């Protein structure tokens, strides 16, 4: 009798987990990036400029939040 109840409980838990995973998957699908045509041109230009700076080595790596904050103050 106990094993039957345990099996039913496990089955119900797995169904709940699957339901939650489906909700998460649906929400992730909503988080896709928009096409570039829907983004303001100025933003795209800023991102491209930033990528160029990073590619040229113009960046600072921070090993901690404190290091990050100290670099922001400079």
PDB file of N, CA and C in Angstrom:
ATOM      1  N   UNK A   1       0.825  -1.189   0.000  1.00  0.00           N
ATOM      2  CA  UNK A   1       0.000   0.000   0.000  1.00  0.00           C
ATOM      3  C   UNK A   1       0.866   1.248   0.000  1.00  0.00           C
ATOM      4  N   UNK A   2       1.919   1.256   0.799  1.00  0.00           N
ATOM      5  CA  UNK A   2       2.800   2.412   0.874  1.00  0.00           C
ATOM      6  C   UNK A   2       3.493   2.669  -0.456  1.00  0.00           C
ATOM      7  N   UNK A   3       3.896   1.600  -1.134  1.00  0.00           N
ATOM      8  CA  UNK A   3       4.595   1.793  -2.406  1.00  0.00           C
ATOM      9  C   UNK A   3       3.667   2.374  -3.457  1.00  0.00           C
ATOM     10  N   UNK A   4       2.392   2.030  -3.410  1.00  0.00           N
ATOM     11  CA  UNK A   4       1.430   2.583  -4.353  1.00  0.00           C
ATOM     12  C   UNK A   4       1.276   4.084  -4.109  1.00  0.00           C
ATOM     13  N   UNK A   5       1.159   4.474  -2.856  1.00  0.00           N
ATOM     14  CA  UNK A   5       1.024   5.890  -2.504  1.00  0.00           C
ATOM     15  C   UNK A   5       2.304   6.646  -2.877  1.00  0.00           C
ATOM     16  N   UNK A   6       3.456   6.028  -2.597  1.00  0.00           N
ATOM     17  CA  UNK A   6       4.729   6.661  -2.946  1.00  0.00           C
ATOM     18  C   UNK A   6       4.827   6.874  -4.449  1.00  0.00           C
ATOM     19  N   UNK A   7       4.425   5.869  -5.217  1.00  0.00           N
ATOM     20  CA  UNK A   7       4.464   5.970  -6.680  1.00  0.00           C
ATOM     21  C   UNK A   7       3.553   7.088  -7.166  1.00  0.00           C
ATOM     22  N   UNK A   8       2.379   7.182  -6.562  1.00  0.00           N
ATOM     23  CA  UNK A   8       1.442   8.234  -6.957  1.00  0.00           C
ATOM     24  C   UNK A   8       1.995   9.614  -6.593  1.00  0.00           C
ATOM     25  N   UNK A   9       2.580   9.720  -5.416  1.00  0.00           N
ATOM     26  CA  UNK A   9       3.163  11.001  -4.994  1.00  0.00           C
ATOM     27  C   UNK A   9       4.310  11.403  -5.913  1.00  0.00           C
ATOM     28  N   UNK A  10       5.155  10.442  -6.243  1.00  0.00           N
ATOM     29  CA  UNK A  10       6.284  10.726  -7.143  1.00  0.00           C
ATOM     30  C   UNK A  10       5.761  11.133  -8.513  1.00  0.00           C
ATOM     31  N   UNK A  11       4.745  10.438  -8.988  1.00  0.00           N
ATOM     32  CA  UNK A  11       4.168  10.764 -10.285  1.00  0.00           C
ATOM     33  C   UNK A  11       3.589  12.173 -10.279  1.00  0.00           C
ATOM     34  N   UNK A  12       2.905  12.548  -9.203  1.00  0.00           N
ATOM     35  CA  UNK A  12       2.331  13.890  -9.098  1.00  0.00           C
ATOM     36  C   UNK A  12       3.428  14.947  -9.040  1.00  0.00           C
ATOM     37  N   UNK A  13       4.494  14.672  -8.294  1.00  0.00           N
ATOM     38  CA  UNK A  13       5.600  15.616  -8.203  1.00  0.00           C
ATOM     39  C   UNK A  13       6.256  15.805  -9.565  1.00  0.00           C
ATOM     40  N   UNK A  14       6.463  14.703 -10.284  1.00  0.00           N
ATOM     41  CA  UNK A  14       7.077  14.800 -11.602  1.00  0.00           C
ATOM     42  C   UNK A  14       6.190  15.583 -12.568  1.00  0.00           C
ATOM     43  N   UNK A  15       4.877  15.399 -12.476  1.00  0.00           N
ATOM     44  CA  UNK A  15       3.961  16.161 -13.331  1.00  0.00           C
ATOM     45  C   UNK A  15       4.040  17.643 -13.016  1.00  0.00           C
ATOM     46  N   UNK A  16       4.137  17.996 -11.740  1.00  0.00           N
ATOM     47  CA  UNK A  16       4.263  19.401 -11.351  1.00  0.00           C
ATOM     48  C   UNK A  16       5.578  19.981 -11.884  1.00  0.00           C
ATOM     49  N   UNK A  17       6.652  19.201 -11.765  1.00  0.00           N
ATOM     50  CA  UNK A  17       7.953  19.653 -12.254  1.00  0.00           C
ATOM     51  C   UNK A  17       7.907  19.882 -13.759  1.00  0.00           C
ATOM     52  N   UNK A  18       7.317  18.946 -14.478  1.00  0.00           N
ATOM     53  CA  UNK A  18       7.208  19.103 -15.931  1.00  0.00           C
ATOM     54  C   UNK A  18       6.382  20.327 -16.287  1.00  0.00           C
ATOM     55  N   UNK A  19       5.314  20.563 -15.548  1.00  0.00           N
ATOM     56  CA  UNK A  19       4.492  21.746 -15.794  1.00  0.00           C
ATOM     57  C   UNK A  19       5.286  23.020 -15.588  1.00  0.00           C
ATOM     58  N   UNK A  20       6.074  23.060 -14.513  1.00  0.00           N
ATOM     59  CA  UNK A  20       6.885  24.244 -14.246  1.00  0.00           C
ATOM     60  C   UNK A  20       7.964  24.427 -15.306  1.00  0.00           C
ATOM     61  N   UNK A  21       8.556  23.322 -15.755  1.00  0.00           N
ATOM     62  CA  UNK A  21       9.570  23.410 -16.805  1.00  0.00           C
ATOM     63  C   UNK A  21       8.969  23.944 -18.102  1.00  0.00           C
ATOM     64  N   UNK A  22       7.738  23.557 -18.405  1.00  0.00           N
ATOM     65  CA  UNK A  22       7.085  24.066 -19.608  1.00  0.00           C
ATOM     66  C   UNK A  22       6.857  25.570 -19.503  1.00  0.00           C
ATOM     67  N   UNK A  23       6.477  26.042 -18.313  1.00  0.00           N
ATOM     68  CA  UNK A  23       6.281  27.475 -18.108  1.00  0.00           C
ATOM     69  C   UNK A  23       7.603  28.219 -18.295  1.00  0.00           C
ATOM     70  N   UNK A  24       8.672  27.664 -17.721  1.00  0.00           N
ATOM     71  CA  UNK A  24       9.996  28.286 -17.860  1.00  0.00           C
ATOM     72  C   UNK A  24      10.395  28.341 -19.330  1.00  0.00           C
ATOM     73  N   UNK A  25      10.171  27.249 -20.041  1.00  0.00           N
ATOM     74  CA  UNK A  25      10.525  27.203 -21.466  1.00  0.00           C
ATOM     75  C   UNK A  25       9.749  28.261 -22.254  1.00  0.00           C
ATOM     76  N   UNK A  26       8.454  28.418 -21.954  1.00  0.00           N
ATOM     77  CA  UNK A  26       7.655  29.421 -22.642  1.00  0.00           C
ATOM     78  C   UNK A  26       8.196  30.826 -22.360  1.00  0.00           C
ATOM     79  N   UNK A  27       8.571  31.081 -21.119  1.00  0.00           N
ATOM     80  CA  UNK A  27       9.090  32.406 -20.768  1.00  0.00           C
ATOM     81  C   UNK A  27      10.430  32.663 -21.440  1.00  0.00           C
ATOM     82  N   UNK A  28      11.260  31.640 -21.550  1.00  0.00           N
ATOM     83  CA  UNK A  28      12.548  31.804 -22.221  1.00  0.00           C
ATOM     84  C   UNK A  28      12.354  32.132 -23.695  1.00  0.00           C
ATOM     85  N   UNK A  29      11.349  31.522 -24.303  1.00  0.00           N
ATOM     86  CA  UNK A  29      11.060  31.816 -25.704  1.00  0.00           C
ATOM     87  C   UNK A  29      10.691  33.280 -25.886  1.00  0.00           C
ATOM     88  N   UNK A  30      10.080  33.886 -24.861  1.00  0.00           N
ATOM     89  CA  UNK A  30       9.693  35.290 -24.932  1.00  0.00           C
ATOM     90  C   UNK A  30      10.894  36.219 -24.787  1.00  0.00           C
ATOM     91  N   UNK A  31      12.020  35.696 -24.319  1.00  0.00           N
ATOM     92  CA  UNK A  31      13.180  36.533 -24.050  1.00  0.00           C
ATOM     93  C   UNK A  31      14.143  36.620 -25.226  1.00  0.00           C
ATOM     94  N   UNK A  32      13.683  36.283 -26.415  1.00  0.00           N
ATOM     95  CA  UNK A  32      14.554  36.358 -27.583  1.00  0.00           C
ATOM     96  C   UNK A  32      14.862  37.809 -27.894  1.00  0.00           C
ATOM     97  N   UNK A  33      16.042  38.040 -28.420  1.00  0.00           N
ATOM     98  CA  UNK A  33      16.439  39.390 -28.779  1.00  0.00           C
ATOM     99  C   UNK A  33      15.652  39.860 -29.999  1.00  0.00           C
ATOM    100  N   UNK A  34      15.309  41.139 -30.037  1.00  0.00           N
ATOM    101  CA  UNK A  34      14.586  41.660 -31.209  1.00  0.00           C
ATOM    102  C   UNK A  34      15.533  41.802 -32.399  1.00  0.00           C
ATOM    103  N   UNK A  35      14.951  41.903 -33.561  1.00  0.00           N
ATOM    104  CA  UNK A  35      15.750  42.137 -34.768  1.00  0.00           C
ATOM    105  C   UNK A  35      16.409  43.502 -34.681  1.00  0.00           C
ATOM    106  N   UNK A  36      17.540  43.651 -35.338  1.00  0.00           N
ATOM    107  CA  UNK A  36      18.243  44.934 -35.315  1.00  0.00           C
ATOM    108  C   UNK A  36      17.373  46.058 -35.874  1.00  0.00           C
ATOM    109  N   UNK A  37      16.467  45.723 -36.771  1.00  0.00           N
ATOM    110  CA  UNK A  37      15.632  46.758 -37.374  1.00  0.00           C
ATOM    111  C   UNK A  37      14.695  47.405 -36.360  1.00  0.00           C
ATOM    112  N   UNK A  38      14.442  46.736 -35.234  1.00  0.00           N
ATOM    113  CA  UNK A  38      13.554  47.302 -34.220  1.00  0.00           C
ATOM    114  C   UNK A  38      14.312  48.077 -33.148  1.00  0.00           C
ATOM    115  N   UNK A  39      15.647  48.060 -33.223  1.00  0.00           N
ATOM    116  CA  UNK A  39      16.473  48.753 -32.244  1.00  0.00           C
ATOM    117  C   UNK A  39      16.929  50.076 -32.843  1.00  0.00           C
ATOM    118  N   UNK A  40      16.972  51.119 -32.031  1.00  0.00           N
ATOM    119  CA  UNK A  40      17.410  52.426 -32.518  1.00  0.00           C
ATOM    120  C   UNK A  40      18.845  52.337 -33.029  1.00  0.00           C
ATOM    121  N   UNK A  41      19.095  53.003 -34.135  1.00  0.00           N
ATOM    122  CA  UNK A  41      20.418  52.949 -34.781  1.00  0.00           C
ATOM    123  C   UNK A  41      21.524  53.424 -33.842  1.00  0.00           C
ATOM    124  N   UNK A  42      21.253  54.420 -33.011  1.00  0.00           N
ATOM    125  CA  UNK A  42      22.264  54.942 -32.093  1.00  0.00           C
ATOM    126  C   UNK A  42      22.753  53.882 -31.122  1.00  0.00           C
ATOM    127  N   UNK A  43      21.858  53.050 -30.662  1.00  0.00           N
ATOM    128  CA  UNK A  43      22.229  51.982 -29.723  1.00  0.00           C
ATOM    129  C   UNK A  43      23.143  50.981 -30.420  1.00  0.00           C
ATOM    130  N   UNK A  44      22.790  50.624 -31.641  1.00  0.00           N
ATOM    131  CA  UNK A  44      23.604  49.664 -32.401  1.00  0.00           C
ATOM    132  C   UNK A  44      25.005  50.226 -32.617  1.00  0.00           C
ATOM    133  N   UNK A  45      25.075  51.515 -32.936  1.00  0.00           N
ATOM    134  CA  UNK A  45      26.390  52.151 -33.136  1.00  0.00           C
ATOM    135  C   UNK A  45      27.208  52.122 -31.850  1.00  0.00           C
ATOM    136  N   UNK A  46      26.570  52.402 -30.706  1.00  0.00           N
ATOM    137  CA  UNK A  46      27.273  52.369 -29.421  1.00  0.00           C
ATOM    138  C   UNK A  46      27.811  50.977 -29.114  1.00  0.00           C
ATOM    139  N   UNK A  47      27.000  49.973 -29.380  1.00  0.00           N
ATOM    140  CA  UNK A  47      27.438  48.589 -29.125  1.00  0.00           C
ATOM    141  C   UNK A  47      28.618  48.240 -30.023  1.00  0.00           C
ATOM    142  N   UNK A  48      28.549  48.619 -31.277  1.00  0.00           N
ATOM    143  CA  UNK A  48      29.652  48.329 -32.205  1.00  0.00           C
ATOM    144  C   UNK A  48      30.931  49.042 -31.774  1.00  0.00           C
ATOM    145  N   UNK A  49      30.808  50.303 -31.334  1.00  0.00           N
ATOM    146  CA  UNK A  49      31.979  51.046 -30.857  1.00  0.00           C
ATOM    147  C   UNK A  49      32.581  50.369 -29.626  1.00  0.00           C
ATOM    148  N   UNK A  50      31.718  49.933 -28.732  1.00  0.00           N
ATOM    149  CA  UNK A  50      32.189  49.246 -27.523  1.00  0.00           C
ATOM    150  C   UNK A  50      32.892  47.949 -27.879  1.00  0.00           C
ATOM    151  N   UNK A  51      32.333  47.192 -28.809  1.00  0.00           N
ATOM    152  CA  UNK A  51      32.973  45.950 -29.242  1.00  0.00           C
ATOM    153  C   UNK A  51      34.350  46.226 -29.828  1.00  0.00           C
ATOM    154  N   UNK A  52      34.473  47.306 -30.594  1.00  0.00           N
ATOM    155  CA  UNK A  52      35.758  47.671 -31.188  1.00  0.00           C
ATOM    156  C   UNK A  52      36.773  48.002 -30.093  1.00  0.00           C
ATOM    157  N   UNK A  53      36.338  48.745 -29.071  1.00  0.00           N
ATOM    158  CA  UNK A  53      37.227  49.082 -27.962  1.00  0.00           C
ATOM    159  C   UNK A  53      37.680  47.831 -27.224  1.00  0.00           C
ATOM    160  N   UNK A  54      36.766  46.945 -26.983  1.00  0.00           N
ATOM    161  CA  UNK A  54      37.107  45.704 -26.272  1.00  0.00           C
ATOM    162  C   UNK A  54      38.080  44.872 -27.102  1.00  0.00           C
ATOM    163  N   UNK A  55      37.798  44.751 -28.402  1.00  0.00           N
ATOM    164  CA  UNK A  55      38.676  43.981 -29.287  1.00  0.00           C
ATOM    165  C   UNK A  55      40.083  44.561 -29.345  1.00  0.00           C
ATOM    166  N   UNK A  56      40.202  45.883 -29.165  1.00  0.00           N
ATOM    167  CA  UNK A  56      41.530  46.508 -29.209  1.00  0.00           C
ATOM    168  C   UNK A  56      42.240  46.434 -27.857  1.00  0.00           C
ATOM    169  N   UNK A  57      41.593  45.828 -26.866  1.00  0.00           N
ATOM    170  CA  UNK A  57      42.228  45.654 -25.556  1.00  0.00           C
ATOM    171  C   UNK A  57      41.961  46.793 -24.597  1.00  0.00           C
ATOM    172  N   UNK A  58      41.043  47.675 -24.936  1.00  0.00           N
ATOM    173  CA  UNK A  58      40.733  48.820 -24.085  1.00  0.00           C
ATOM    174  C   UNK A  58      39.622  48.448 -23.092  1.00  0.00           C
ATOM    175  N   UNK A  59      40.003  47.657 -22.077  1.00  0.00           N
ATOM    176  CA  UNK A  59      39.051  47.269 -21.045  1.00  0.00           C
ATOM    177  C   UNK A  59      39.817  46.885 -19.789  1.00  0.00           C
ATOM    178  N   UNK A  60      39.103  46.771 -18.693  1.00  0.00           N
ATOM    179  CA  UNK A  60      39.711  46.400 -17.417  1.00  0.00           C
ATOM    180  C   UNK A  60      38.983  45.174 -16.887  1.00  0.00           C
ATOM    181  N   UNK A  61      39.747  44.173 -16.476  1.00  0.00           N
ATOM    182  CA  UNK A  61      39.134  42.992 -15.869  1.00  0.00           C
ATOM    183  C   UNK A  61      39.105  43.163 -14.359  1.00  0.00           C
ATOM    184  N   UNK A  62      37.987  42.826 -13.745  1.00  0.00           N
ATOM    185  CA  UNK A  62      37.830  42.941 -12.298  1.00  0.00           C
ATOM    186  C   UNK A  62      37.632  41.551 -11.712  1.00  0.00           C
ATOM    187  N   UNK A  63      38.371  41.270 -10.663  1.00  0.00           N
ATOM    188  CA  UNK A  63      38.277  39.956 -10.023  1.00  0.00           C
ATOM    189  C   UNK A  63      37.244  39.911  -8.912  1.00  0.00           C
ATOM    190  N   UNK A  64      36.712  41.069  -8.558  1.00  0.00           N
ATOM    191  CA  UNK A  64      35.718  41.114  -7.482  1.00  0.00           C
ATOM    192  C   UNK A  64      34.830  42.328  -7.667  1.00  0.00           C
ATOM    193  N   UNK A  65      33.739  42.354  -6.917  1.00  0.00           N
ATOM    194  CA  UNK A  65      32.849  43.511  -6.966  1.00  0.00           C
ATOM    195  C   UNK A  65      33.568  44.746  -6.443  1.00  0.00           C
ATOM    196  N   UNK A  66      34.387  44.567  -5.420  1.00  0.00           N
ATOM    197  CA  UNK A  66      35.130  45.698  -4.872  1.00  0.00           C
ATOM    198  C   UNK A  66      36.069  46.288  -5.931  1.00  0.00           C
ATOM    199  N   UNK A  67      36.749  45.433  -6.645  1.00  0.00           N
ATOM    200  CA  UNK A  67      37.643  45.881  -7.711  1.00  0.00           C
ATOM    201  C   UNK A  67      36.852  46.631  -8.791  1.00  0.00           C
ATOM    202  N   UNK A  68      35.680  46.129  -9.111  1.00  0.00           N
ATOM    203  CA  UNK A  68      34.809  46.777 -10.095  1.00  0.00           C
ATOM    204  C   UNK A  68      34.418  48.182  -9.650  1.00  0.00           C
ATOM    205  N   UNK A  69      34.004  48.304  -8.398  1.00  0.00           N
ATOM    206  CA  UNK A  69      33.600  49.603  -7.851  1.00  0.00           C
ATOM    207  C   UNK A  69      34.785  50.575  -7.820  1.00  0.00           C
ATOM    208  N   UNK A  70      35.949  50.081  -7.441  1.00  0.00           N
ATOM    209  CA  UNK A  70      37.136  50.942  -7.423  1.00  0.00           C
ATOM    210  C   UNK A  70      37.463  51.458  -8.822  1.00  0.00           C
ATOM    211  N   UNK A  71      37.300  50.607  -9.833  1.00  0.00           N
ATOM    212  CA  UNK A  71      37.559  51.034 -11.206  1.00  0.00           C
ATOM    213  C   UNK A  71      36.532  52.045 -11.682  1.00  0.00           C
ATOM    214  N   UNK A  72      35.307  51.942 -11.192  1.00  0.00           N
ATOM    215  CA  UNK A  72      34.276  52.913 -11.565  1.00  0.00           C
ATOM    216  C   UNK A  72      34.601  54.290 -10.999  1.00  0.00           C
ATOM    217  N   UNK A  73      35.208  54.323  -9.812  1.00  0.00           N
ATOM    218  CA  UNK A  73      35.534  55.593  -9.173  1.00  0.00           C
ATOM    219  C   UNK A  73      36.658  56.340  -9.889  1.00  0.00           C
ATOM    220  N   UNK A  74      37.481  55.626 -10.638  1.00  0.00           N
ATOM    221  CA  UNK A  74      38.637  56.243 -11.305  1.00  0.00           C
ATOM    222  C   UNK A  74      38.224  57.131 -12.453  1.00  0.00           C
TER     223      UNK A  74
END
